[in-house]
Protein backbone atom coordinates (compact mmCIF):
# COMPACT_ATOMS: atom_id res chain seq x y z
CA MET A 1 26.43 159.23 -112.84
CA ALA A 2 27.94 160.40 -116.15
CA ASP A 3 25.76 160.54 -119.21
CA ALA A 4 26.35 157.56 -121.50
CA ASP A 5 27.30 158.31 -125.08
CA THR A 6 24.20 157.29 -127.00
CA THR A 7 25.47 158.28 -130.41
CA SER A 8 26.40 155.53 -132.76
CA PRO A 9 28.58 155.81 -135.84
CA PRO A 10 26.67 156.68 -138.99
CA LYS A 11 25.75 153.78 -141.24
CA PRO A 12 27.69 153.75 -144.50
CA GLU A 13 25.79 154.90 -147.55
CA PRO A 14 24.98 152.15 -150.04
CA LEU A 15 27.18 152.22 -153.13
CA LYS A 16 25.19 154.46 -155.41
CA VAL A 17 27.94 155.64 -157.68
CA LEU A 18 27.71 155.54 -161.44
CA ARG A 19 30.98 154.28 -162.89
CA ILE A 20 31.51 154.31 -166.62
CA PHE A 21 34.33 152.35 -168.20
CA ARG A 22 35.63 152.42 -171.74
CA GLY A 23 37.34 149.59 -173.58
CA LYS A 24 39.90 151.96 -175.09
CA ASP A 25 41.05 152.92 -171.59
CA ALA A 26 41.18 149.38 -170.21
CA PRO A 27 44.59 148.33 -168.90
CA SER A 28 45.98 144.91 -169.68
CA LEU A 29 45.34 142.31 -167.00
CA ASP A 30 49.03 142.48 -166.08
CA GLU A 31 48.94 146.29 -165.79
CA ALA A 32 45.80 146.14 -163.63
CA GLY A 33 47.59 143.79 -161.22
CA HIS A 34 44.47 141.88 -160.19
CA MET A 35 45.67 138.36 -161.07
CA THR A 36 48.52 136.76 -159.14
CA TYR A 37 50.33 133.54 -159.97
CA ALA A 38 50.07 131.13 -157.07
CA ASP A 39 52.33 128.31 -158.25
CA ASP A 40 55.44 127.12 -156.45
CA ASP A 41 55.91 123.67 -158.00
CA PRO A 42 59.27 123.68 -159.88
CA VAL A 43 57.85 121.68 -162.82
CA ILE A 44 54.96 124.14 -163.24
CA LEU A 45 57.23 127.16 -162.91
CA ALA A 46 59.69 125.78 -165.47
CA GLY A 47 56.91 124.80 -167.89
CA ALA A 48 55.18 128.18 -167.65
CA ALA A 49 58.54 129.94 -168.12
CA LYS A 50 59.22 127.93 -171.31
CA LEU A 51 55.82 128.95 -172.71
CA GLY A 52 56.58 132.57 -171.85
CA GLU A 53 59.98 132.46 -173.51
CA ALA A 54 58.44 130.85 -176.62
CA GLY A 55 55.99 133.75 -176.97
CA ILE A 56 52.67 132.54 -175.57
CA GLY A 57 51.85 136.16 -174.72
CA GLU A 58 51.55 136.91 -178.44
CA GLY A 59 48.50 134.65 -178.60
CA ALA A 60 46.23 136.50 -176.19
CA ILE A 61 44.90 139.90 -175.28
CA LEU A 62 43.56 140.21 -171.74
CA LYS A 63 42.08 143.49 -170.51
CA CYS A 64 40.54 144.56 -167.23
CA LEU A 65 37.42 146.45 -168.33
CA PHE A 66 36.13 147.10 -164.81
CA SER A 67 37.14 146.39 -161.22
CA GLY A 68 35.30 147.68 -158.21
CA PHE A 69 32.72 147.03 -155.51
CA GLY A 70 34.01 143.46 -155.05
CA PHE A 71 33.80 142.18 -158.61
CA SER A 72 35.54 142.55 -161.94
CA LEU A 73 34.98 142.23 -165.68
CA HIS A 74 37.67 141.12 -168.12
CA TYR A 75 37.85 140.96 -171.90
CA VAL A 76 39.85 138.05 -173.35
CA TRP A 77 40.82 137.27 -176.91
CA PHE A 78 42.67 134.01 -177.43
CA LYS A 79 44.01 133.68 -180.95
CA PRO A 80 43.39 130.49 -182.98
CA GLY A 81 44.76 127.36 -181.36
CA TYR A 82 46.06 129.13 -178.23
CA PRO A 83 47.33 126.40 -175.86
CA LEU A 84 45.42 127.24 -172.66
CA PRO A 85 46.98 125.33 -169.73
CA LEU A 86 44.75 123.50 -167.26
CA HIS A 87 44.29 125.91 -164.35
CA SER A 88 41.96 127.23 -161.65
CA HIS A 89 41.20 130.53 -159.94
CA ASP A 90 40.22 131.34 -156.36
CA SER A 91 37.10 133.23 -157.44
CA ASP A 92 33.80 132.23 -159.00
CA CYS A 93 33.59 133.25 -162.64
CA LEU A 94 30.90 133.51 -165.29
CA TYR A 95 32.19 133.31 -168.88
CA TYR A 96 30.32 134.66 -171.91
CA LEU A 97 31.51 134.00 -175.48
CA ILE A 98 31.27 137.09 -177.68
CA SER A 99 32.56 135.40 -180.83
CA GLY A 100 34.57 132.47 -182.06
CA ASP A 101 34.31 129.04 -180.53
CA ILE A 102 35.77 126.64 -177.99
CA ARG A 103 35.49 122.99 -177.07
CA MET A 104 35.33 122.17 -173.37
CA GLY A 105 35.39 118.42 -172.90
CA THR A 106 32.58 117.13 -175.14
CA GLU A 107 30.80 120.50 -175.27
CA ALA A 108 31.19 122.79 -178.28
CA MET A 109 30.37 126.44 -177.54
CA GLY A 110 30.11 129.53 -179.70
CA ALA A 111 28.95 133.14 -179.61
CA GLY A 112 26.16 133.64 -177.10
CA ASP A 113 27.10 130.57 -175.04
CA GLY A 114 28.82 130.60 -171.69
CA PHE A 115 29.64 128.70 -168.55
CA PHE A 116 30.01 129.23 -164.82
CA LEU A 117 32.90 127.87 -162.75
CA PRO A 118 33.00 127.92 -158.96
CA ALA A 119 36.25 128.97 -157.33
CA GLY A 120 38.91 126.27 -157.33
CA THR A 121 37.51 124.32 -160.32
CA PRO A 122 40.29 123.24 -162.71
CA TYR A 123 39.46 123.85 -166.38
CA THR A 124 40.80 124.33 -169.85
CA TYR A 125 39.28 124.48 -173.29
CA THR A 126 40.41 124.17 -176.88
CA ILE A 127 40.23 127.39 -178.88
CA GLY A 128 38.79 127.09 -182.39
CA ASP A 129 40.12 128.12 -185.80
CA GLU A 130 38.91 131.73 -185.49
CA GLY A 131 40.04 132.16 -181.92
CA VAL A 132 37.62 133.18 -179.19
CA GLU A 133 36.58 136.45 -177.60
CA LEU A 134 34.94 136.27 -174.23
CA LEU A 135 33.98 138.23 -171.16
CA GLU A 136 34.85 137.02 -167.67
CA PHE A 137 32.65 138.24 -164.82
CA ARG A 138 34.42 137.55 -161.50
CA THR A 139 33.14 137.70 -157.94
CA GLN A 140 36.39 139.31 -156.77
CA GLU A 141 38.55 142.18 -157.91
CA ASP A 142 41.77 140.32 -157.08
CA PHE A 143 42.17 136.62 -157.83
CA ASP A 144 44.85 134.03 -158.41
CA ILE A 145 45.68 131.54 -161.13
CA ARG A 146 47.04 128.07 -160.36
CA PHE A 147 48.32 125.83 -163.12
CA LYS A 148 47.71 122.09 -162.81
CA GLY A 149 50.25 120.51 -165.18
CA LYS A 150 52.56 118.54 -162.91
CA THR A 151 54.75 116.76 -165.47
CA ASP A 152 57.42 117.90 -167.91
CA ALA A 153 55.62 115.95 -170.65
CA TYR A 154 52.45 118.02 -170.11
CA TRP A 155 54.34 121.29 -170.58
CA GLU A 156 56.28 119.95 -173.59
CA LYS A 157 52.99 119.06 -175.28
CA LEU A 158 51.71 122.62 -174.73
CA LEU A 159 55.00 123.99 -176.08
CA GLU A 160 54.63 121.86 -179.24
CA LYS A 161 51.08 123.15 -179.73
CA LEU A 162 52.28 126.74 -179.22
CA ARG A 163 54.97 126.34 -181.87
CA ALA A 164 52.50 124.79 -184.32
CA GLU A 165 49.83 127.49 -183.86
CA GLN A 166 52.04 130.56 -183.43
CA PRO A 167 52.57 131.28 -187.17
CA LYS A 168 48.79 131.89 -187.53
CA TRP A 169 48.79 134.58 -184.84
CA LYS A 170 50.54 137.34 -186.80
CA GLU A 171 47.60 137.61 -189.23
CA ALA A 172 44.81 136.80 -186.75
CA LEU A 173 42.11 139.37 -186.11
CA PRO A 174 39.39 139.15 -183.47
CA PRO A 175 36.23 137.65 -184.97
CA ALA A 176 34.04 140.47 -183.54
CA ARG A 177 34.44 144.11 -182.51
CA ASP A 178 38.05 145.03 -181.76
CA TYR A 179 38.08 145.80 -178.02
CA ARG A 180 41.85 146.30 -178.12
CA ASN A 181 41.48 149.74 -179.69
CA ALA A 182 37.84 150.56 -178.97
């Protein structure tokens, strides 16, 4: 009888690696490639395209501060009045407001406040007069975004808000520490 192989593969070492990240080195969320757009509805695609063409990207800075070991951390600055579309993500997320303020439904939130959203929960909020800086702690490195506006009228209303708020953005500065150039 042949000897049976009694060796088993070694157990993986726990993740005991120090990783330092620096805000000044953080890529934009687009450059990091962790968020994918999951929409295929023609109304949503057309509405989102109109916002893009009108310059919605000028109203936000989104950076991937850290991604690894199955979670990620993002810095977001939405300039005053940014028209955030109703949307959801496929990952749980904990949000922490660094500065500025938002209104979510009947709740007003400011620096030091936050909220948790389970994956798949549609949400939006209204950004205040100073804008808002926040941190997003996600339970995944890669995640999607799904917009919920299913009518042309919904997207036209966002476009009107964008056009009304956009002139303020050229002079807007983050209310707290500038993570864009840290």
